[in-house]
């Protein structure tokens, strides 16, 4: 079993700033990054944080078209990304996106797998590009 820690929740939305404002007004979150475009996955995203709660990453597609909105992924910190991918594949997860630099994480490696019926992002750092605080 890999040693993973839940890092953030990713939600795909139609409008980053309108949704961020709603999370600020309704739930006490605050925006902590400027928008960053992830060219490899075709999304633009920002992070929201609230003391004592998990961060939320809001993402929106950069291209028009039919998109699914709502919960997009759970993200886990993986101390050893390659070993974690092997362990998860052996346990039945399917790799969606192999390790590659993640623009929202200062180009540290990230990967996506499909596990337990949901998308799971594996990250290797807690750095966030575009931090504004």
N, C-alpha and C. Protein backbone atom coordinates (compact mmCIF):
# COMPACT_ATOMS: atom_id res chain seq x y z
N UNK A 1 0.86 -1.18 0.00
CA UNK A 1 0.00 0.00 0.00
C UNK A 1 0.91 1.25 0.00
N UNK A 2 0.76 2.14 -1.00
CA UNK A 2 1.60 3.34 -1.03
C UNK A 2 1.28 4.29 0.12
N UNK A 3 2.30 5.03 0.53
CA UNK A 3 2.15 6.02 1.60
C UNK A 3 1.70 7.34 0.97
N UNK A 4 0.40 7.58 0.96
CA UNK A 4 -0.16 8.76 0.31
C UNK A 4 -0.89 9.63 1.32
N UNK A 5 -0.85 10.95 1.07
CA UNK A 5 -1.56 11.92 1.92
C UNK A 5 -2.45 12.76 1.02
N UNK A 6 -3.74 12.85 1.36
CA UNK A 6 -4.67 13.67 0.58
C UNK A 6 -4.21 15.11 0.62
N UNK A 7 -4.03 15.73 -0.55
CA UNK A 7 -3.48 17.08 -0.64
C UNK A 7 -4.55 18.12 -1.00
N UNK A 8 -5.39 17.85 -1.99
CA UNK A 8 -6.42 18.80 -2.39
C UNK A 8 -7.52 18.11 -3.17
N UNK A 9 -8.60 18.85 -3.36
CA UNK A 9 -9.74 18.39 -4.16
C UNK A 9 -9.78 19.26 -5.41
N UNK A 10 -9.89 18.62 -6.57
CA UNK A 10 -9.98 19.35 -7.84
C UNK A 10 -11.41 19.36 -8.35
N UNK A 11 -11.91 20.55 -8.69
CA UNK A 11 -13.27 20.71 -9.18
C UNK A 11 -13.22 21.44 -10.52
N UNK A 12 -13.85 20.86 -11.53
CA UNK A 12 -13.92 21.53 -12.83
C UNK A 12 -15.16 22.40 -12.89
N UNK A 13 -14.95 23.69 -13.22
CA UNK A 13 -16.03 24.68 -13.18
C UNK A 13 -16.08 25.45 -14.49
N UNK A 14 -17.19 26.13 -14.71
CA UNK A 14 -17.33 26.94 -15.92
C UNK A 14 -16.60 28.28 -15.80
N UNK A 15 -16.59 28.88 -14.62
CA UNK A 15 -16.02 30.21 -14.43
C UNK A 15 -15.18 30.22 -13.15
N UNK A 16 -13.87 30.32 -13.30
CA UNK A 16 -12.97 30.28 -12.13
C UNK A 16 -13.29 31.35 -11.11
N UNK A 17 -13.38 32.60 -11.57
CA UNK A 17 -13.52 33.70 -10.62
C UNK A 17 -14.90 33.76 -9.97
N UNK A 18 -15.93 33.47 -10.73
CA UNK A 18 -17.28 33.46 -10.14
C UNK A 18 -17.38 32.35 -9.08
N UNK A 19 -16.81 31.18 -9.38
CA UNK A 19 -16.84 30.08 -8.41
C UNK A 19 -15.97 30.39 -7.21
N UNK A 20 -14.79 30.98 -7.44
CA UNK A 20 -13.92 31.36 -6.32
C UNK A 20 -14.62 32.36 -5.41
N UNK A 21 -15.29 33.34 -5.99
CA UNK A 21 -16.03 34.32 -5.18
C UNK A 21 -17.11 33.64 -4.35
N UNK A 22 -17.80 32.66 -4.93
CA UNK A 22 -18.83 31.94 -4.19
C UNK A 22 -18.22 31.15 -3.03
N UNK A 23 -17.09 30.49 -3.26
CA UNK A 23 -16.43 29.75 -2.19
C UNK A 23 -15.95 30.70 -1.09
N UNK A 24 -15.51 31.89 -1.46
CA UNK A 24 -15.09 32.88 -0.46
C UNK A 24 -16.29 33.34 0.37
N UNK A 25 -17.36 33.70 -0.32
CA UNK A 25 -18.55 34.24 0.36
C UNK A 25 -19.28 33.18 1.18
N UNK A 26 -19.42 31.97 0.64
CA UNK A 26 -20.22 30.94 1.28
C UNK A 26 -19.46 30.08 2.29
N UNK A 27 -18.17 29.82 2.01
CA UNK A 27 -17.44 28.84 2.81
C UNK A 27 -16.18 29.36 3.47
N UNK A 28 -15.84 30.63 3.26
CA UNK A 28 -14.68 31.22 3.92
C UNK A 28 -13.34 30.90 3.29
N UNK A 29 -13.32 30.37 2.09
CA UNK A 29 -12.06 30.12 1.38
C UNK A 29 -11.54 31.44 0.83
N UNK A 30 -10.24 31.47 0.47
CA UNK A 30 -9.67 32.62 -0.22
C UNK A 30 -8.77 32.13 -1.33
N UNK A 31 -8.72 32.92 -2.39
CA UNK A 31 -7.88 32.56 -3.54
C UNK A 31 -6.43 32.85 -3.18
N UNK A 32 -5.54 31.87 -3.42
CA UNK A 32 -4.13 32.03 -3.05
C UNK A 32 -3.17 31.97 -4.24
N UNK A 33 -3.71 31.76 -5.46
CA UNK A 33 -2.85 31.79 -6.64
C UNK A 33 -3.54 32.57 -7.75
N UNK A 34 -2.72 33.12 -8.62
CA UNK A 34 -3.22 33.66 -9.87
C UNK A 34 -3.52 32.48 -10.78
N UNK A 35 -4.30 32.69 -11.84
CA UNK A 35 -4.58 31.60 -12.77
C UNK A 35 -3.30 31.11 -13.46
N UNK A 36 -3.21 29.82 -13.61
CA UNK A 36 -2.09 29.18 -14.31
C UNK A 36 -2.70 28.25 -15.35
N UNK A 37 -2.17 28.32 -16.57
CA UNK A 37 -2.64 27.43 -17.63
C UNK A 37 -1.78 26.18 -17.63
N UNK A 38 -2.43 25.05 -17.58
CA UNK A 38 -1.76 23.76 -17.71
C UNK A 38 -1.95 23.33 -19.15
N UNK A 39 -0.92 23.57 -19.97
CA UNK A 39 -1.03 23.30 -21.40
C UNK A 39 -1.14 21.81 -21.69
N UNK A 40 -0.53 20.97 -20.87
CA UNK A 40 -0.55 19.53 -21.11
C UNK A 40 -1.94 18.92 -20.93
N UNK A 41 -2.73 19.52 -20.01
CA UNK A 41 -4.06 18.99 -19.75
C UNK A 41 -5.18 19.90 -20.26
N UNK A 42 -4.81 21.05 -20.83
CA UNK A 42 -5.80 21.93 -21.43
C UNK A 42 -6.75 22.59 -20.46
N UNK A 43 -6.23 22.96 -19.28
CA UNK A 43 -7.06 23.64 -18.29
C UNK A 43 -6.34 24.86 -17.74
N UNK A 44 -7.11 25.77 -17.17
CA UNK A 44 -6.60 26.92 -16.43
C UNK A 44 -7.09 26.71 -15.00
N UNK A 45 -6.24 26.99 -14.02
CA UNK A 45 -6.65 26.72 -12.66
C UNK A 45 -6.14 27.71 -11.63
N UNK A 46 -6.80 27.70 -10.49
CA UNK A 46 -6.41 28.49 -9.33
C UNK A 46 -6.61 27.63 -8.08
N UNK A 47 -5.89 27.99 -7.03
CA UNK A 47 -6.05 27.32 -5.74
C UNK A 47 -6.75 28.22 -4.76
N UNK A 48 -7.60 27.61 -3.93
CA UNK A 48 -8.28 28.26 -2.81
C UNK A 48 -7.86 27.55 -1.54
N UNK A 49 -7.72 28.33 -0.46
CA UNK A 49 -7.37 27.72 0.82
C UNK A 49 -8.22 28.30 1.94
N UNK A 50 -8.32 27.51 2.99
CA UNK A 50 -9.03 27.92 4.21
C UNK A 50 -8.32 27.23 5.36
N UNK A 51 -8.03 27.94 6.40
CA UNK A 51 -7.35 27.37 7.56
C UNK A 51 -8.12 26.17 8.10
N UNK A 52 -7.41 25.06 8.31
CA UNK A 52 -8.02 23.86 8.87
C UNK A 52 -8.75 22.99 7.86
N UNK A 53 -8.74 23.37 6.57
CA UNK A 53 -9.44 22.61 5.54
C UNK A 53 -8.48 22.25 4.41
N UNK A 54 -8.87 21.26 3.62
CA UNK A 54 -8.09 20.91 2.45
C UNK A 54 -8.16 22.03 1.42
N UNK A 55 -7.07 22.28 0.70
CA UNK A 55 -7.14 23.23 -0.41
C UNK A 55 -8.06 22.70 -1.51
N UNK A 56 -8.58 23.63 -2.29
CA UNK A 56 -9.41 23.30 -3.44
C UNK A 56 -8.74 23.87 -4.67
N UNK A 57 -8.62 23.05 -5.71
CA UNK A 57 -8.11 23.51 -6.99
C UNK A 57 -9.30 23.61 -7.93
N UNK A 58 -9.59 24.83 -8.39
CA UNK A 58 -10.62 25.03 -9.39
C UNK A 58 -9.96 25.02 -10.75
N UNK A 59 -10.51 24.26 -11.69
CA UNK A 59 -9.99 24.24 -13.05
C UNK A 59 -11.13 24.47 -14.03
N UNK A 60 -10.78 25.03 -15.18
CA UNK A 60 -11.74 25.21 -16.25
C UNK A 60 -11.06 24.91 -17.57
N UNK A 61 -11.75 24.27 -18.50
CA UNK A 61 -11.14 23.95 -19.79
C UNK A 61 -10.75 25.23 -20.54
N UNK A 62 -9.66 25.18 -21.29
CA UNK A 62 -9.24 26.34 -22.09
C UNK A 62 -9.85 26.31 -23.49
N UNK A 63 -10.43 25.19 -23.88
CA UNK A 63 -11.06 25.10 -25.19
C UNK A 63 -12.56 24.88 -25.02
N UNK A 64 -13.36 25.46 -25.91
CA UNK A 64 -14.81 25.24 -25.82
C UNK A 64 -15.16 23.81 -26.19
N UNK A 65 -16.33 23.42 -25.80
CA UNK A 65 -16.80 22.09 -26.15
C UNK A 65 -17.56 21.48 -25.01
N UNK A 66 -18.04 20.28 -25.19
CA UNK A 66 -18.77 19.62 -24.10
C UNK A 66 -17.78 19.13 -23.03
N UNK A 67 -17.98 19.58 -21.83
CA UNK A 67 -17.10 19.20 -20.72
C UNK A 67 -17.96 18.77 -19.53
N UNK A 68 -17.42 17.88 -18.74
CA UNK A 68 -18.09 17.48 -17.50
C UNK A 68 -17.63 18.41 -16.39
N UNK A 69 -18.57 18.94 -15.64
CA UNK A 69 -18.24 19.85 -14.54
C UNK A 69 -18.58 19.19 -13.23
N UNK A 70 -17.89 19.60 -12.17
CA UNK A 70 -18.08 19.03 -10.84
C UNK A 70 -16.77 18.44 -10.35
N UNK A 71 -16.86 17.48 -9.44
CA UNK A 71 -15.66 16.86 -8.90
C UNK A 71 -14.82 16.31 -10.05
N UNK A 72 -13.58 16.73 -10.13
CA UNK A 72 -12.69 16.26 -11.19
C UNK A 72 -11.70 15.23 -10.66
N UNK A 73 -11.12 15.49 -9.47
CA UNK A 73 -10.14 14.55 -8.94
C UNK A 73 -9.89 14.79 -7.46
N UNK A 74 -9.32 13.77 -6.83
CA UNK A 74 -8.70 13.90 -5.52
C UNK A 74 -7.20 13.84 -5.78
N UNK A 75 -6.45 14.67 -5.11
CA UNK A 75 -4.99 14.69 -5.31
C UNK A 75 -4.29 14.20 -4.06
N UNK A 76 -3.33 13.32 -4.26
CA UNK A 76 -2.55 12.77 -3.17
C UNK A 76 -1.08 13.09 -3.37
N UNK A 77 -0.41 13.42 -2.28
CA UNK A 77 1.02 13.62 -2.27
C UNK A 77 1.67 12.25 -2.28
N UNK A 78 2.55 12.03 -3.26
CA UNK A 78 3.24 10.75 -3.41
C UNK A 78 4.75 11.00 -3.26
N UNK A 79 5.35 10.57 -2.17
CA UNK A 79 6.78 10.81 -1.96
C UNK A 79 7.66 10.22 -3.07
N UNK A 80 7.25 9.09 -3.62
CA UNK A 80 7.99 8.45 -4.71
C UNK A 80 6.98 8.15 -5.82
N UNK A 81 6.89 9.04 -6.80
CA UNK A 81 5.85 8.95 -7.82
C UNK A 81 5.92 7.65 -8.63
N UNK A 82 7.10 7.29 -9.09
CA UNK A 82 7.23 6.07 -9.91
C UNK A 82 6.84 4.82 -9.13
N UNK A 83 7.32 4.70 -7.90
CA UNK A 83 6.98 3.53 -7.08
C UNK A 83 5.49 3.50 -6.77
N UNK A 84 4.91 4.66 -6.52
CA UNK A 84 3.48 4.73 -6.24
C UNK A 84 2.67 4.28 -7.45
N UNK A 85 3.07 4.72 -8.65
CA UNK A 85 2.36 4.29 -9.86
C UNK A 85 2.41 2.78 -10.04
N UNK A 86 3.57 2.20 -9.79
CA UNK A 86 3.69 0.74 -9.90
C UNK A 86 2.76 0.06 -8.91
N UNK A 87 2.79 0.50 -7.65
CA UNK A 87 1.94 -0.11 -6.63
C UNK A 87 0.46 0.03 -6.97
N UNK A 88 0.06 1.20 -7.45
CA UNK A 88 -1.34 1.41 -7.78
C UNK A 88 -1.76 0.58 -9.00
N UNK A 89 -0.89 0.46 -9.99
CA UNK A 89 -1.21 -0.39 -11.16
C UNK A 89 -1.38 -1.84 -10.75
N UNK A 90 -0.48 -2.33 -9.89
CA UNK A 90 -0.59 -3.71 -9.40
C UNK A 90 -1.91 -3.91 -8.65
N UNK A 91 -2.36 -2.87 -7.95
CA UNK A 91 -3.61 -2.95 -7.19
C UNK A 91 -4.85 -2.73 -8.05
N UNK A 92 -4.65 -2.41 -9.35
CA UNK A 92 -5.80 -2.29 -10.24
C UNK A 92 -6.07 -0.91 -10.81
N UNK A 93 -5.28 0.09 -10.46
CA UNK A 93 -5.49 1.43 -11.01
C UNK A 93 -4.99 1.47 -12.46
N UNK A 94 -5.56 2.38 -13.24
CA UNK A 94 -5.18 2.55 -14.64
C UNK A 94 -4.55 3.93 -14.81
N UNK A 95 -3.37 3.99 -15.41
CA UNK A 95 -2.70 5.27 -15.64
C UNK A 95 -3.42 6.04 -16.73
N UNK A 96 -3.80 7.28 -16.42
CA UNK A 96 -4.43 8.16 -17.40
C UNK A 96 -3.41 9.10 -18.02
N UNK A 97 -2.47 9.55 -17.21
CA UNK A 97 -1.44 10.48 -17.66
C UNK A 97 -0.15 10.14 -16.92
N UNK A 98 0.89 9.71 -17.65
CA UNK A 98 2.14 9.33 -16.99
C UNK A 98 2.84 10.56 -16.39
N UNK A 99 3.86 10.35 -15.58
CA UNK A 99 4.55 11.48 -14.96
C UNK A 99 5.03 12.50 -15.99
N UNK A 100 4.73 13.76 -15.69
CA UNK A 100 5.16 14.88 -16.52
C UNK A 100 5.12 16.14 -15.67
N UNK A 101 5.85 17.18 -16.09
CA UNK A 101 5.85 18.42 -15.31
C UNK A 101 4.44 19.01 -15.22
N UNK A 102 4.08 19.43 -14.03
CA UNK A 102 2.78 20.08 -13.81
C UNK A 102 2.97 21.57 -13.64
N UNK A 103 2.44 22.35 -14.57
CA UNK A 103 2.64 23.80 -14.52
C UNK A 103 2.11 24.44 -13.24
N UNK A 104 1.02 23.93 -12.70
CA UNK A 104 0.48 24.52 -11.47
C UNK A 104 1.33 24.18 -10.26
N UNK A 105 2.29 23.27 -10.42
CA UNK A 105 3.16 22.83 -9.32
C UNK A 105 4.62 23.13 -9.62
N UNK A 106 4.86 24.28 -10.26
CA UNK A 106 6.22 24.72 -10.60
C UNK A 106 6.99 23.65 -11.37
N UNK A 107 6.29 22.96 -12.25
CA UNK A 107 6.87 21.94 -13.13
C UNK A 107 7.42 20.71 -12.42
N UNK A 108 7.04 20.51 -11.16
CA UNK A 108 7.36 19.23 -10.51
C UNK A 108 6.47 18.17 -11.13
N UNK A 109 6.90 16.91 -11.06
CA UNK A 109 6.16 15.83 -11.71
C UNK A 109 4.80 15.58 -11.08
N UNK A 110 3.82 15.33 -11.95
CA UNK A 110 2.48 14.90 -11.55
C UNK A 110 2.07 13.74 -12.46
N UNK A 111 1.08 12.99 -12.05
CA UNK A 111 0.51 11.93 -12.88
C UNK A 111 -0.96 11.79 -12.51
N UNK A 112 -1.75 11.21 -13.41
CA UNK A 112 -3.15 10.92 -13.13
C UNK A 112 -3.41 9.44 -13.32
N UNK A 113 -4.21 8.88 -12.41
CA UNK A 113 -4.66 7.50 -12.54
C UNK A 113 -6.17 7.47 -12.32
N UNK A 114 -6.77 6.40 -12.77
CA UNK A 114 -8.18 6.14 -12.48
C UNK A 114 -8.19 5.02 -11.47
N UNK A 115 -8.74 5.29 -10.30
CA UNK A 115 -8.74 4.31 -9.21
C UNK A 115 -10.02 4.46 -8.40
N UNK A 116 -10.59 3.35 -8.03
CA UNK A 116 -11.81 3.34 -7.21
C UNK A 116 -12.92 4.16 -7.85
N UNK A 117 -12.94 4.21 -9.18
CA UNK A 117 -14.00 4.91 -9.89
C UNK A 117 -13.84 6.40 -10.02
N UNK A 118 -12.70 6.96 -9.61
CA UNK A 118 -12.49 8.40 -9.71
C UNK A 118 -11.11 8.70 -10.29
N UNK A 119 -10.94 9.94 -10.76
CA UNK A 119 -9.62 10.40 -11.19
C UNK A 119 -8.82 10.76 -9.95
N UNK A 120 -7.56 10.34 -9.95
CA UNK A 120 -6.66 10.64 -8.84
C UNK A 120 -5.42 11.30 -9.42
N UNK A 121 -5.09 12.47 -8.89
CA UNK A 121 -3.87 13.15 -9.27
C UNK A 121 -2.81 12.81 -8.23
N UNK A 122 -1.64 12.45 -8.68
CA UNK A 122 -0.50 12.19 -7.80
C UNK A 122 0.48 13.33 -7.99
N UNK A 123 0.85 13.99 -6.90
CA UNK A 123 1.76 15.12 -6.96
C UNK A 123 2.96 14.85 -6.06
N UNK A 124 4.02 15.62 -6.28
CA UNK A 124 5.26 15.40 -5.54
C UNK A 124 5.71 16.61 -4.75
N UNK A 125 4.93 17.68 -4.75
CA UNK A 125 5.33 18.91 -4.06
C UNK A 125 4.11 19.65 -3.55
N UNK A 126 4.33 20.51 -2.56
CA UNK A 126 3.23 21.37 -2.11
C UNK A 126 3.40 22.79 -2.65
N UNK A 127 4.38 23.00 -3.54
CA UNK A 127 4.56 24.32 -4.17
C UNK A 127 3.42 24.58 -5.15
N UNK A 128 3.01 25.85 -5.23
CA UNK A 128 1.96 26.27 -6.15
C UNK A 128 2.48 27.45 -6.97
N UNK A 129 2.41 27.34 -8.29
CA UNK A 129 2.84 28.46 -9.14
C UNK A 129 1.79 29.58 -9.06
N UNK A 130 2.27 30.82 -9.10
CA UNK A 130 1.37 31.97 -9.10
C UNK A 130 0.86 32.36 -7.74
N UNK A 131 1.54 31.90 -6.68
CA UNK A 131 1.08 32.19 -5.31
C UNK A 131 1.01 33.70 -5.11
N UNK A 132 -0.09 34.18 -4.52
CA UNK A 132 -0.28 35.62 -4.33
C UNK A 132 -0.26 36.05 -2.87
N UNK A 133 -0.08 35.12 -1.95
CA UNK A 133 -0.12 35.55 -0.53
C UNK A 133 1.23 35.64 0.09
